[in-house]
C-alpha atoms as a PDB file:
ATOM      1  CA  UNK A   1      35.700  14.936 -49.974  1.00  0.00           C
ATOM      2  CA  UNK A   2      34.856  18.862 -51.164  1.00  0.00           C
ATOM      3  CA  UNK A   3      30.995  19.295 -49.958  1.00  0.00           C
ATOM      4  CA  UNK A   4      29.498  20.419 -53.387  1.00  0.00           C
ATOM      5  CA  UNK A   5      31.232  16.474 -55.028  1.00  0.00           C
ATOM      6  CA  UNK A   6      28.511  14.488 -55.075  1.00  0.00           C
ATOM      7  CA  UNK A   7      30.111  10.453 -54.436  1.00  0.00           C
ATOM      8  CA  UNK A   8      30.403   9.246 -58.211  1.00  0.00           C
ATOM      9  CA  UNK A   9      31.568  12.738 -58.817  1.00  0.00           C
ATOM     10  CA  UNK A  10      34.229  11.942 -55.903  1.00  0.00           C
ATOM     11  CA  UNK A  11      35.027   8.268 -57.103  1.00  0.00           C
ATOM     12  CA  UNK A  12      35.531   9.390 -60.566  1.00  0.00           C
ATOM     13  CA  UNK A  13      37.864  11.676 -59.192  1.00  0.00           C
ATOM     14  CA  UNK A  14      39.832   9.524 -57.232  1.00  0.00           C
ATOM     15  CA  UNK A  15      40.176   7.037 -60.671  1.00  0.00           C
ATOM     16  CA  UNK A  16      41.421   9.806 -62.743  1.00  0.00           C
ATOM     17  CA  UNK A  17      44.045  10.263 -59.573  1.00  0.00           C
ATOM     18  CA  UNK A  18      45.545   7.200 -59.244  1.00  0.00           C
ATOM     19  CA  UNK A  19      45.363   6.262 -63.331  1.00  0.00           C
ATOM     20  CA  UNK A  20      48.051   9.376 -63.335  1.00  0.00           C
ATOM     21  CA  UNK A  21      51.775   7.573 -64.900  1.00  0.00           C
ATOM     22  CA  UNK A  22      54.419   9.602 -65.491  1.00  0.00           C
ATOM     23  CA  UNK A  23      54.249  11.091 -68.795  1.00  0.00           C
ATOM     24  CA  UNK A  24      50.751  12.079 -68.887  1.00  0.00           C
ATOM     25  CA  UNK A  25      49.626  15.933 -70.092  1.00  0.00           C
ATOM     26  CA  UNK A  26      47.225  17.030 -67.890  1.00  0.00           C
ATOM     27  CA  UNK A  27      45.257  20.435 -66.635  1.00  0.00           C
ATOM     28  CA  UNK A  28      45.342  22.101 -63.981  1.00  0.00           C
ATOM     29  CA  UNK A  29      41.594  24.223 -63.226  1.00  0.00           C
ATOM     30  CA  UNK A  30      40.547  25.869 -60.451  1.00  0.00           C
ATOM     31  CA  UNK A  31      37.347  27.971 -60.629  1.00  0.00           C
ATOM     32  CA  UNK A  32      37.137  27.566 -65.039  1.00  0.00           C
ATOM     33  CA  UNK A  33      40.537  29.074 -65.449  1.00  0.00           C
ATOM     34  CA  UNK A  34      43.680  26.773 -66.175  1.00  0.00           C
ATOM     35  CA  UNK A  35      46.100  27.833 -63.513  1.00  0.00           C
ATOM     36  CA  UNK A  36      48.917  25.234 -64.562  1.00  0.00           C
ATOM     37  CA  UNK A  37      49.384  22.630 -67.191  1.00  0.00           C
ATOM     38  CA  UNK A  38      52.617  20.343 -67.857  1.00  0.00           C
ATOM     39  CA  UNK A  39      53.729  16.678 -68.073  1.00  0.00           C
ATOM     40  CA  UNK A  40      53.411  14.266 -65.158  1.00  0.00           C
ATOM     41  CA  UNK A  41      56.692  13.849 -63.363  1.00  0.00           C
ATOM     42  CA  UNK A  42      56.025  11.253 -60.978  1.00  0.00           C
ATOM     43  CA  UNK A  43      52.990  10.624 -58.364  1.00  0.00           C
ATOM     44  CA  UNK A  44      52.593   8.396 -54.920  1.00  0.00           C
ATOM     45  CA  UNK A  45      51.420   5.304 -55.023  1.00  0.00           C
ATOM     46  CA  UNK A  46      47.868   5.418 -53.231  1.00  0.00           C
ATOM     47  CA  UNK A  47      47.703   8.619 -56.433  1.00  0.00           C
ATOM     48  CA  UNK A  48      46.892  11.084 -53.987  1.00  0.00           C
ATOM     49  CA  UNK A  49      50.168  13.372 -54.751  1.00  0.00           C
ATOM     50  CA  UNK A  50      51.466  13.890 -58.736  1.00  0.00           C
ATOM     51  CA  UNK A  51      54.474  16.792 -59.121  1.00  0.00           C
ATOM     52  CA  UNK A  52      53.993  18.284 -62.171  1.00  0.00           C
ATOM     53  CA  UNK A  53      56.988  19.668 -64.164  1.00  0.00           C
ATOM     54  CA  UNK A  54      55.929  22.620 -66.367  1.00  0.00           C
ATOM     55  CA  UNK A  55      57.939  23.359 -70.085  1.00  0.00           C
ATOM     56  CA  UNK A  56      60.320  25.328 -68.545  1.00  0.00           C
ATOM     57  CA  UNK A  57      60.996  22.754 -66.052  1.00  0.00           C
ATOM     58  CA  UNK A  58      59.655  24.310 -63.142  1.00  0.00           C
ATOM     59  CA  UNK A  59      58.246  20.877 -60.794  1.00  0.00           C
ATOM     60  CA  UNK A  60      55.026  21.652 -58.468  1.00  0.00           C
ATOM     61  CA  UNK A  61      53.856  18.854 -56.016  1.00  0.00           C
ATOM     62  CA  UNK A  62      49.677  18.689 -56.263  1.00  0.00           C
ATOM     63  CA  UNK A  63      47.726  16.988 -54.011  1.00  0.00           C
ATOM     64  CA  UNK A  64      43.697  15.506 -54.668  1.00  0.00           C
ATOM     65  CA  UNK A  65      42.746  17.080 -51.600  1.00  0.00           C
ATOM     66  CA  UNK A  66      44.085  20.558 -53.224  1.00  0.00           C
ATOM     67  CA  UNK A  67      40.891  22.984 -55.271  1.00  0.00           C
ATOM     68  CA  UNK A  68      42.303  21.739 -58.607  1.00  0.00           C
ATOM     69  CA  UNK A  69      40.358  20.488 -60.964  1.00  0.00           C
ATOM     70  CA  UNK A  70      42.457  17.748 -63.493  1.00  0.00           C
ATOM     71  CA  UNK A  71      42.185  16.824 -67.086  1.00  0.00           C
ATOM     72  CA  UNK A  72      43.945  15.072 -69.101  1.00  0.00           C
ATOM     73  CA  UNK A  73      45.827  17.268 -71.849  1.00  0.00           C
ATOM     74  CA  UNK A  74      46.260  15.760 -75.425  1.00  0.00           C
ATOM     75  CA  UNK A  75      49.411  14.216 -75.626  1.00  0.00           C
ATOM     76  CA  UNK A  76      50.959  16.079 -78.515  1.00  0.00           C
ATOM     77  CA  UNK A  77      52.181  20.078 -78.103  1.00  0.00           C
ATOM     78  CA  UNK A  78      55.429  21.270 -76.218  1.00  0.00           C
ATOM     79  CA  UNK A  79      54.549  19.178 -73.160  1.00  0.00           C
ATOM     80  CA  UNK A  80      55.455  16.070 -74.574  1.00  0.00           C
ATOM     81  CA  UNK A  81      58.551  14.355 -72.847  1.00  0.00           C
END
């Protein structure tokens, strides 16, 4: 848990990551700026790691302890699979 996270924020973060399913559209932000967006391709059973495919087909791995803030993106648009 990062030093700036409250226990409730940490729990919400875990709940979001573990609820992700392949096909979910996500935004990954850092310091308020979107650094990556795409569709969840897969995740580990415990939800701590996800693979996200962007609109050009690049696949990247993200871990819950990375400094990214994760948000669900709207289901419409170029990232719908």
